[in-house]
Amino acid sequence: MVSKSFGRILLEDVVRMTNVSQTSHVGGCLSCLDIVNVLFNNVINIDSKKPKSKNRDRFILSKGHTSAVIYSALANKGFFPVKWLRTFFENGTKLPGHIDHKVPGVEFSTGSLGHGLSVGLGMAMSMRNKKIKSKVYVLLSDGEMNSGSTVEAIMFAGHHKINNLICIVDKNQFQALGKTDDIINLNPLSKKWESFGWNAYDIDGHNTSEIKTALLSAKKNSQKPSVLVCNTVKGKGLKDFEGRLMSHYRPPSDDQLNDFMEGLELIR
């Protein structure tokens, strides 16, 4: 029997979890799934056997509504039982819809957008002051670029050269009420980060080789903070959901789940 890749496991879990719970945000989970795949499988230094090690890397999901993909990653890395995923978003669950610090492996509770980078910045400064040679990774949505607190954190980190901070922007071109270009045009986004003193990588957020190369390069950068602007597709991999605003809110139906799973078996 051929074992499934980590990315394939994340993909199946996310679509199934949002279908069973009949909850939102499958689109945002899928747009950042390849990023999470590479980060948790190849880059970030965390260990389920030593979850509170002071030398661990820290990860903050600033776009806290896409918790399903992070819960799947943590469960499949041994931080808690995979069977918990079946209870996602249920009453009394240990896995609430917005990511929660009470879940093993989760550093910070998020949901109200615009706070994650500021918290990650504080963690990175504290670790640098204590001479802890680890990294802080923060995954943001492109809609969060509209938040004043996010821009303040970008400016502060660049000015103070917080070089143990790595930010990843899931630039899927949609936010809650429409296209980011129509609400507040962010382009050229990577140039804007660079102007505030960041090392910026503008990459294909679904090309795992590009993601890995950029993340490893960012880890080695010793002069300033780094950002990966990942150009992604909302709902990537789920037919009828790709590149559509409704994937922010609508879960896959039972028929769509079945079609999706059958399609995966065909390309296995």
C-alpha atoms as a PDB file:
ATOM      1  CA  MET A   1       0.000   0.000   0.000  1.00  0.00           C
ATOM      2  CA  VAL A   2       1.368   3.409  -1.014  1.00  0.00           C
ATOM      3  CA  SER A   3       1.565   5.823   1.926  1.00  0.00           C
ATOM      4  CA  LYS A   4      -0.039   9.217   1.523  1.00  0.00           C
ATOM      5  CA  SER A   5       2.064  12.353   1.427  1.00  0.00           C
ATOM      6  CA  PHE A   6       1.703  14.923   4.196  1.00  0.00           C
ATOM      7  CA  GLY A   7       0.154  17.371   1.737  1.00  0.00           C
ATOM      8  CA  ARG A   8      -2.389  14.800   0.595  1.00  0.00           C
ATOM      9  CA  ILE A   9      -3.360  14.107   4.213  1.00  0.00           C
ATOM     10  CA  LEU A  10      -3.859  17.832   4.874  1.00  0.00           C
ATOM     11  CA  LEU A  11      -6.000  18.135   1.744  1.00  0.00           C
ATOM     12  CA  GLU A  12      -8.289  15.239   2.643  1.00  0.00           C
ATOM     13  CA  ASP A  13      -8.604  16.362   6.259  1.00  0.00           C
ATOM     14  CA  VAL A  14      -9.521  19.966   5.433  1.00  0.00           C
ATOM     15  CA  VAL A  15     -12.211  19.115   2.896  1.00  0.00           C
ATOM     16  CA  ARG A  16     -13.693  16.420   5.121  1.00  0.00           C
ATOM     17  CA  MET A  17     -13.594  18.565   8.280  1.00  0.00           C
ATOM     18  CA  THR A  18     -15.381  21.511   6.665  1.00  0.00           C
ATOM     19  CA  ASN A  19     -17.952  19.191   5.102  1.00  0.00           C
ATOM     20  CA  VAL A  20     -18.752  17.317   8.307  1.00  0.00           C
ATOM     21  CA  SER A  21     -18.911  20.468  10.426  1.00  0.00           C
ATOM     22  CA  GLN A  22     -20.719  22.422   7.694  1.00  0.00           C
ATOM     23  CA  THR A  23     -18.596  25.438   8.490  1.00  0.00           C
ATOM     24  CA  SER A  24     -16.805  28.146   6.552  1.00  0.00           C
ATOM     25  CA  HIS A  25     -13.316  28.926   5.259  1.00  0.00           C
ATOM     26  CA  VAL A  26     -12.419  25.904   3.158  1.00  0.00           C
ATOM     27  CA  GLY A  27     -11.210  28.374   0.495  1.00  0.00           C
ATOM     28  CA  GLY A  28      -8.680  30.046   2.779  1.00  0.00           C
ATOM     29  CA  CYS A  29      -7.506  26.707   4.166  1.00  0.00           C
ATOM     30  CA  LEU A  30      -6.816  25.388   0.677  1.00  0.00           C
ATOM     31  CA  SER A  31      -5.073  28.540  -0.525  1.00  0.00           C
ATOM     32  CA  CYS A  32      -2.440  28.214   2.207  1.00  0.00           C
ATOM     33  CA  LEU A  33      -2.302  24.404   2.332  1.00  0.00           C
ATOM     34  CA  ASP A  34       0.865  24.040   0.245  1.00  0.00           C
ATOM     35  CA  ILE A  35       2.571  26.623   2.450  1.00  0.00           C
ATOM     36  CA  VAL A  36       1.575  24.733   5.610  1.00  0.00           C
ATOM     37  CA  ASN A  37       2.682  21.461   4.025  1.00  0.00           C
ATOM     38  CA  VAL A  38       6.222  22.723   3.402  1.00  0.00           C
ATOM     39  CA  LEU A  39       6.507  24.690   6.650  1.00  0.00           C
ATOM     40  CA  PHE A  40       5.434  21.872   8.973  1.00  0.00           C
ATOM     41  CA  ASN A  41       7.052  19.055   7.037  1.00  0.00           C
ATOM     42  CA  ASN A  42      10.393  20.574   6.054  1.00  0.00           C
ATOM     43  CA  VAL A  43      11.190  23.799   7.861  1.00  0.00           C
ATOM     44  CA  ILE A  44       9.772  24.612  11.281  1.00  0.00           C
ATOM     45  CA  ASN A  45      11.560  23.267  14.363  1.00  0.00           C
ATOM     46  CA  ILE A  46       8.859  21.887  16.654  1.00  0.00           C
ATOM     47  CA  ASP A  47       8.593  18.582  18.474  1.00  0.00           C
ATOM     48  CA  SER A  48       5.402  17.046  19.861  1.00  0.00           C
ATOM     49  CA  LYS A  49       7.498  15.290  22.527  1.00  0.00           C
ATOM     50  CA  LYS A  50       8.930  18.628  23.706  1.00  0.00           C
ATOM     51  CA  PRO A  51       6.137  21.078  22.822  1.00  0.00           C
ATOM     52  CA  LYS A  52       7.275  23.778  25.254  1.00  0.00           C
ATOM     53  CA  SER A  53      11.009  23.648  24.570  1.00  0.00           C
ATOM     54  CA  LYS A  54      12.392  27.181  24.829  1.00  0.00           C
ATOM     55  CA  ASN A  55      14.433  26.525  21.675  1.00  0.00           C
ATOM     56  CA  ARG A  56      11.416  25.640  19.542  1.00  0.00           C
ATOM     57  CA  ASP A  57      10.336  27.781  16.609  1.00  0.00           C
ATOM     58  CA  ARG A  58       7.039  29.609  17.121  1.00  0.00           C
ATOM     59  CA  PHE A  59       4.190  29.635  14.604  1.00  0.00           C
ATOM     60  CA  ILE A  60       1.225  32.000  14.677  1.00  0.00           C
ATOM     61  CA  LEU A  61      -1.765  31.625  12.385  1.00  0.00           C
ATOM     62  CA  SER A  62      -2.835  35.252  12.148  1.00  0.00           C
ATOM     63  CA  LYS A  63      -5.671  34.302   9.770  1.00  0.00           C
ATOM     64  CA  GLY A  64      -7.193  32.309  12.606  1.00  0.00           C
ATOM     65  CA  HIS A  65     -10.374  31.385  10.742  1.00  0.00           C
ATOM     66  CA  THR A  66      -8.411  28.818   8.688  1.00  0.00           C
ATOM     67  CA  SER A  67      -7.718  26.689  11.743  1.00  0.00           C
ATOM     68  CA  ALA A  68      -8.674  23.378  10.094  1.00  0.00           C
ATOM     69  CA  VAL A  69      -5.456  23.103   8.090  1.00  0.00           C
ATOM     70  CA  ILE A  70      -3.271  23.853  11.142  1.00  0.00           C
ATOM     71  CA  TYR A  71      -5.198  21.427  13.344  1.00  0.00           C
ATOM     72  CA  SER A  72      -4.622  18.752  10.710  1.00  0.00           C
ATOM     73  CA  ALA A  73      -0.901  19.544  10.541  1.00  0.00           C
ATOM     74  CA  LEU A  74      -0.493  19.433  14.327  1.00  0.00           C
ATOM     75  CA  ALA A  75      -2.540  16.245  14.721  1.00  0.00           C
ATOM     76  CA  ASN A  76      -0.551  14.473  12.019  1.00  0.00           C
ATOM     77  CA  LYS A  77       2.678  15.614  13.662  1.00  0.00           C
ATOM     78  CA  GLY A  78       1.624  13.953  16.920  1.00  0.00           C
ATOM     79  CA  PHE A  79       0.579  16.947  19.044  1.00  0.00           C
ATOM     80  CA  PHE A  80      -2.863  15.459  19.727  1.00  0.00           C
ATOM     81  CA  PRO A  81      -4.925  12.486  18.525  1.00  0.00           C
ATOM     82  CA  VAL A  82      -6.002  12.570  14.869  1.00  0.00           C
ATOM     83  CA  LYS A  83      -9.472  11.432  15.988  1.00  0.00           C
ATOM     84  CA  TRP A  84     -10.038  14.920  17.444  1.00  0.00           C
ATOM     85  CA  LEU A  85     -10.327  16.210  13.883  1.00  0.00           C
ATOM     86  CA  ARG A  86     -13.690  14.436  13.567  1.00  0.00           C
ATOM     87  CA  THR A  87     -15.141  16.780  16.213  1.00  0.00           C
ATOM     88  CA  PHE A  88     -14.014  20.040  14.568  1.00  0.00           C
ATOM     89  CA  PHE A  89     -16.407  22.915  15.384  1.00  0.00           C
ATOM     90  CA  GLU A  90     -18.861  20.709  17.294  1.00  0.00           C
ATOM     91  CA  ASN A  91     -20.351  21.818  20.614  1.00  0.00           C
ATOM     92  CA  GLY A  92     -17.894  20.883  23.344  1.00  0.00           C
ATOM     93  CA  THR A  93     -15.065  20.202  20.902  1.00  0.00           C
ATOM     94  CA  LYS A  94     -11.422  20.649  21.751  1.00  0.00           C
ATOM     95  CA  LEU A  95     -10.966  22.161  18.268  1.00  0.00           C
ATOM     96  CA  PRO A  96     -13.000  25.389  17.939  1.00  0.00           C
ATOM     97  CA  GLY A  97     -13.490  27.125  14.604  1.00  0.00           C
ATOM     98  CA  HIS A  98     -10.972  29.885  15.268  1.00  0.00           C
ATOM     99  CA  ILE A  99      -7.611  28.588  16.350  1.00  0.00           C
ATOM    100  CA  ASP A 100      -7.203  28.291  20.115  1.00  0.00           C
ATOM    101  CA  HIS A 101      -4.079  28.300  22.306  1.00  0.00           C
ATOM    102  CA  LYS A 102      -5.607  25.571  24.488  1.00  0.00           C
ATOM    103  CA  VAL A 103      -4.999  23.127  21.633  1.00  0.00           C
ATOM    104  CA  PRO A 104      -1.608  21.393  21.989  1.00  0.00           C
ATOM    105  CA  GLY A 105       0.925  22.970  19.645  1.00  0.00           C
ATOM    106  CA  VAL A 106      -0.973  26.241  19.182  1.00  0.00           C
ATOM    107  CA  GLU A 107       0.965  29.281  20.448  1.00  0.00           C
ATOM    108  CA  PHE A 108      -1.748  31.961  20.321  1.00  0.00           C
ATOM    109  CA  SER A 109      -5.507  32.285  19.832  1.00  0.00           C
ATOM    110  CA  THR A 110      -6.479  34.367  16.803  1.00  0.00           C
ATOM    111  CA  GLY A 111      -9.609  35.216  14.876  1.00  0.00           C
ATOM    112  CA  SER A 112      -9.953  38.971  14.954  1.00  0.00           C
ATOM    113  CA  LEU A 113      -7.674  39.808  12.043  1.00  0.00           C
ATOM    114  CA  GLY A 114      -4.702  42.127  12.356  1.00  0.00           C
ATOM    115  CA  HIS A 115      -3.211  40.944  15.663  1.00  0.00           C
ATOM    116  CA  GLY A 116      -1.001  38.023  14.684  1.00  0.00           C
ATOM    117  CA  LEU A 117       1.996  39.889  13.335  1.00  0.00           C
ATOM    118  CA  SER A 118       2.192  42.199  16.349  1.00  0.00           C
ATOM    119  CA  VAL A 119       2.181  39.210  18.702  1.00  0.00           C
ATOM    120  CA  GLY A 120       4.762  37.389  16.591  1.00  0.00           C
ATOM    121  CA  LEU A 121       6.913  40.510  16.592  1.00  0.00           C
ATOM    122  CA  GLY A 122       6.794  40.643  20.391  1.00  0.00           C
ATOM    123  CA  MET A 123       7.755  36.981  20.635  1.00  0.00           C
ATOM    124  CA  ALA A 124      10.646  37.479  18.215  1.00  0.00           C
ATOM    125  CA  MET A 125      11.977  40.469  20.153  1.00  0.00           C
ATOM    126  CA  SER A 126      11.779  38.594  23.441  1.00  0.00           C
ATOM    127  CA  MET A 127      13.578  35.580  21.986  1.00  0.00           C
ATOM    128  CA  ARG A 128      16.283  37.774  20.477  1.00  0.00           C
ATOM    129  CA  ASN A 129      16.821  39.563  23.784  1.00  0.00           C
ATOM    130  CA  LYS A 130      17.157  36.193  25.531  1.00  0.00           C
ATOM    131  CA  LYS A 131      19.559  35.016  22.798  1.00  0.00           C
ATOM    132  CA  ILE A 132      17.249  32.145  21.798  1.00  0.00           C
ATOM    133  CA  LYS A 133      18.299  31.252  18.271  1.00  0.00           C
ATOM    134  CA  SER A 134      14.884  30.226  16.973  1.00  0.00           C
ATOM    135  CA  LYS A 135      12.476  31.723  14.458  1.00  0.00           C
ATOM    136  CA  VAL A 136       8.943  33.069  14.666  1.00  0.00           C
ATOM    137  CA  TYR A 137       6.717  32.341  11.651  1.00  0.00           C
ATOM    138  CA  VAL A 138       3.484  34.275  11.129  1.00  0.00           C
ATOM    139  CA  LEU A 139       0.958  33.346   8.423  1.00  0.00           C
ATOM    140  CA  LEU A 140      -1.298  36.242   7.396  1.00  0.00           C
ATOM    141  CA  SER A 141      -4.112  36.784   4.924  1.00  0.00           C
ATOM    142  CA  ASP A 142      -3.792  39.499   2.296  1.00  0.00           C
ATOM    143  CA  GLY A 143      -6.910  41.170   3.713  1.00  0.00           C
ATOM    144  CA  GLU A 144      -4.984  41.778   6.927  1.00  0.00           C
ATOM    145  CA  MET A 145      -2.719  44.165   5.033  1.00  0.00           C
ATOM    146  CA  ASN A 146      -5.575  46.665   5.461  1.00  0.00           C
ATOM    147  CA  SER A 147      -5.208  46.635   9.253  1.00  0.00           C
ATOM    148  CA  GLY A 148      -3.301  49.511  10.821  1.00  0.00           C
ATOM    149  CA  SER A 149      -1.811  47.247  13.495  1.00  0.00           C
ATOM    150  CA  THR A 150      -0.330  45.048  10.770  1.00  0.00           C
ATOM    151  CA  VAL A 151       1.307  47.992   9.011  1.00  0.00           C
ATOM    152  CA  GLU A 152       2.658  49.320  12.321  1.00  0.00           C
ATOM    153  CA  ALA A 153       4.215  45.917  13.059  1.00  0.00           C
ATOM    154  CA  ILE A 154       5.751  45.787   9.578  1.00  0.00           C
ATOM    155  CA  MET A 155       7.338  49.223  10.028  1.00  0.00           C
ATOM    156  CA  PHE A 156       8.549  48.489  13.571  1.00  0.00           C
ATOM    157  CA  ALA A 157      10.103  45.123  12.674  1.00  0.00           C
ATOM    158  CA  GLY A 158      11.863  46.572   9.661  1.00  0.00           C
ATOM    159  CA  HIS A 159      13.203  49.579  11.545  1.00  0.00           C
ATOM    160  CA  HIS A 160      14.556  47.447  14.401  1.00  0.00           C
ATOM    161  CA  LYS A 161      15.814  44.691  12.067  1.00  0.00           C
ATOM    162  CA  ILE A 162      13.975  41.875  13.861  1.00  0.00           C
ATOM    163  CA  ASN A 163      15.797  39.226  11.856  1.00  0.00           C
ATOM    164  CA  ASN A 164      14.304  36.168  13.569  1.00  0.00           C
ATOM    165  CA  LEU A 165      10.816  37.036  12.289  1.00  0.00           C
ATOM    166  CA  ILE A 166       9.505  35.435   9.089  1.00  0.00           C
ATOM    167  CA  CYS A 167       6.122  36.450   7.756  1.00  0.00           C
ATOM    168  CA  ILE A 168       4.125  34.586   5.107  1.00  0.00           C
ATOM    169  CA  VAL A 169       1.283  36.326   3.266  1.00  0.00           C
ATOM    170  CA  ASP A 170      -1.370  34.101   1.704  1.00  0.00           C
ATOM    171  CA  LYS A 171      -2.165  36.411  -1.229  1.00  0.00           C
ATOM    172  CA  ASN A 172      -5.260  34.653  -2.564  1.00  0.00           C
ATOM    173  CA  GLN A 173      -6.765  37.966  -3.769  1.00  0.00           C
ATOM    174  CA  PHE A 174      -9.984  37.703  -1.761  1.00  0.00           C
ATOM    175  CA  GLN A 175     -11.199  38.906   1.616  1.00  0.00           C
ATOM    176  CA  ALA A 176     -14.563  38.626   3.340  1.00  0.00           C
ATOM    177  CA  LEU A 177     -16.573  40.949   1.103  1.00  0.00           C
ATOM    178  CA  GLY A 178     -14.808  40.820  -2.245  1.00  0.00           C
ATOM    179  CA  LYS A 179     -11.535  41.011  -4.152  1.00  0.00           C
ATOM    180  CA  THR A 180      -8.659  42.735  -2.388  1.00  0.00           C
ATOM    181  CA  ASP A 181      -7.891  44.714  -5.550  1.00  0.00           C
ATOM    182  CA  ASP A 182     -11.365  46.249  -5.408  1.00  0.00           C
ATOM    183  CA  ILE A 183     -11.395  46.948  -1.649  1.00  0.00           C
ATOM    184  CA  ILE A 184      -7.824  48.234  -1.185  1.00  0.00           C
ATOM    185  CA  ASN A 185      -5.343  47.507  -3.959  1.00  0.00           C
ATOM    186  CA  LEU A 186      -2.229  46.050  -2.336  1.00  0.00           C
ATOM    187  CA  ASN A 187       0.066  45.924  -5.348  1.00  0.00           C
ATOM    188  CA  PRO A 188       3.011  45.955  -5.601  1.00  0.00           C
ATOM    189  CA  LEU A 189       2.891  44.189  -2.218  1.00  0.00           C
ATOM    190  CA  SER A 190       6.420  42.791  -2.030  1.00  0.00           C
ATOM    191  CA  LYS A 191       7.877  46.206  -2.977  1.00  0.00           C
ATOM    192  CA  LYS A 192       5.939  47.799  -0.122  1.00  0.00           C
ATOM    193  CA  TRP A 193       7.391  45.351   2.410  1.00  0.00           C
ATOM    194  CA  GLU A 194      10.866  45.983   1.002  1.00  0.00           C
ATOM    195  CA  SER A 195      10.386  49.734   1.418  1.00  0.00           C
ATOM    196  CA  PHE A 196       9.867  49.144   5.159  1.00  0.00           C
ATOM    197  CA  GLY A 197      13.149  47.261   5.492  1.00  0.00           C
ATOM    198  CA  TRP A 198      12.098  43.663   4.914  1.00  0.00           C
ATOM    199  CA  ASN A 199      13.711  40.999   2.767  1.00  0.00           C
ATOM    200  CA  ALA A 200      10.870  40.003   0.389  1.00  0.00           C
ATOM    201  CA  TYR A 201      10.257  36.911  -1.738  1.00  0.00           C
ATOM    202  CA  ASP A 202       7.459  37.048  -4.328  1.00  0.00           C
ATOM    203  CA  ILE A 203       6.628  33.433  -5.139  1.00  0.00           C
ATOM    204  CA  ASP A 204       4.049  30.921  -6.364  1.00  0.00           C
ATOM    205  CA  GLY A 205       2.305  29.814  -3.178  1.00  0.00           C
ATOM    206  CA  HIS A 206       1.420  26.433  -4.692  1.00  0.00           C
ATOM    207  CA  ASN A 207       4.923  25.550  -5.897  1.00  0.00           C
ATOM    208  CA  THR A 208       6.376  23.551  -3.027  1.00  0.00           C
ATOM    209  CA  SER A 209       9.914  23.844  -4.374  1.00  0.00           C
ATOM    210  CA  GLU A 210       9.691  27.658  -4.491  1.00  0.00           C
ATOM    211  CA  ILE A 211       8.149  27.780  -1.024  1.00  0.00           C
ATOM    212  CA  LYS A 212      10.849  25.574   0.485  1.00  0.00           C
ATOM    213  CA  THR A 213      13.690  27.484  -1.194  1.00  0.00           C
ATOM    214  CA  ALA A 214      12.313  30.836  -0.018  1.00  0.00           C
ATOM    215  CA  LEU A 215      11.722  29.654   3.558  1.00  0.00           C
ATOM    216  CA  LEU A 216      15.209  28.162   3.865  1.00  0.00           C
ATOM    217  CA  SER A 217      16.721  31.348   2.440  1.00  0.00           C
ATOM    218  CA  ALA A 218      14.700  33.446   4.897  1.00  0.00           C
ATOM    219  CA  LYS A 219      15.974  31.298   7.786  1.00  0.00           C
ATOM    220  CA  LYS A 220      19.567  32.089   6.800  1.00  0.00           C
ATOM    221  CA  ASN A 221      19.013  35.828   6.452  1.00  0.00           C
ATOM    222  CA  SER A 222      20.776  37.469   9.386  1.00  0.00           C
ATOM    223  CA  GLN A 223      20.253  41.148   8.610  1.00  0.00           C
ATOM    224  CA  LYS A 224      16.509  41.875   8.655  1.00  0.00           C
ATOM    225  CA  PRO A 225      13.035  40.301   8.846  1.00  0.00           C
ATOM    226  CA  SER A 226      11.759  38.363   5.843  1.00  0.00           C
ATOM    227  CA  VAL A 227       8.401  38.007   4.153  1.00  0.00           C
ATOM    228  CA  LEU A 228       7.127  35.513   1.612  1.00  0.00           C
ATOM    229  CA  VAL A 229       4.388  37.009  -0.549  1.00  0.00           C
ATOM    230  CA  CYS A 230       2.737  33.809  -1.749  1.00  0.00           C
ATOM    231  CA  ASN A 231       0.503  34.187  -4.793  1.00  0.00           C
ATOM    232  CA  THR A 232      -2.249  31.622  -4.268  1.00  0.00           C
ATOM    233  CA  VAL A 233      -5.700  30.567  -5.451  1.00  0.00           C
ATOM    234  CA  LYS A 234      -8.656  30.644  -3.072  1.00  0.00           C
ATOM    235  CA  GLY A 235     -10.115  27.131  -2.816  1.00  0.00           C
ATOM    236  CA  LYS A 236      -7.193  25.559  -4.682  1.00  0.00           C
ATOM    237  CA  GLY A 237      -7.851  21.902  -5.568  1.00  0.00           C
ATOM    238  CA  LEU A 238     -11.597  21.835  -4.940  1.00  0.00           C
ATOM    239  CA  LYS A 239     -13.704  21.962  -8.098  1.00  0.00           C
ATOM    240  CA  ASP A 240     -16.294  24.771  -8.193  1.00  0.00           C
ATOM    241  CA  PHE A 241     -14.562  26.542  -5.279  1.00  0.00           C
ATOM    242  CA  GLU A 242     -11.347  27.721  -6.927  1.00  0.00           C
ATOM    243  CA  GLY A 243     -10.981  31.470  -7.256  1.00  0.00           C
ATOM    244  CA  ARG A 244     -14.462  32.186  -5.918  1.00  0.00           C
ATOM    245  CA  LEU A 245     -15.520  34.398  -3.026  1.00  0.00           C
ATOM    246  CA  MET A 246     -18.181  31.913  -1.926  1.00  0.00           C
ATOM    247  CA  SER A 247     -15.404  29.490  -0.882  1.00  0.00           C
ATOM    248  CA  HIS A 248     -14.823  31.850   2.048  1.00  0.00           C
ATOM    249  CA  TYR A 249     -18.222  30.895   3.458  1.00  0.00           C
ATOM    250  CA  ARG A 250     -19.675  27.786   1.849  1.00  0.00           C
ATOM    251  CA  PRO A 251     -18.606  24.266   2.917  1.00  0.00           C
ATOM    252  CA  PRO A 252     -18.436  21.419   0.401  1.00  0.00           C
ATOM    253  CA  SER A 253     -21.651  19.403   0.144  1.00  0.00           C
ATOM    254  CA  ASP A 254     -21.717  15.631   0.552  1.00  0.00           C
ATOM    255  CA  ASP A 255     -21.790  15.204  -3.238  1.00  0.00           C
ATOM    256  CA  GLN A 256     -18.868  17.587  -3.675  1.00  0.00           C
ATOM    257  CA  LEU A 257     -16.911  15.741  -0.979  1.00  0.00           C
ATOM    258  CA  ASN A 258     -17.574  12.385  -2.640  1.00  0.00           C
ATOM    259  CA  ASP A 259     -16.573  13.716  -6.064  1.00  0.00           C
ATOM    260  CA  PHE A 260     -13.434  15.207  -4.577  1.00  0.00           C
ATOM    261  CA  MET A 261     -12.393  11.995  -2.831  1.00  0.00           C
ATOM    262  CA  GLU A 262     -13.088   9.919  -5.950  1.00  0.00           C
ATOM    263  CA  GLY A 263     -10.960  12.328  -7.980  1.00  0.00           C
ATOM    264  CA  LEU A 264      -8.077  11.966  -5.545  1.00  0.00           C
ATOM    265  CA  GLU A 265      -8.224   8.192  -5.859  1.00  0.00           C
ATOM    266  CA  LEU A 266      -7.985   8.474  -9.658  1.00  0.00           C
ATOM    267  CA  ILE A 267      -4.747  10.497  -9.491  1.00  0.00           C
ATOM    268  CA  ARG A 268      -3.203   8.555  -6.643  1.00  0.00           C
END
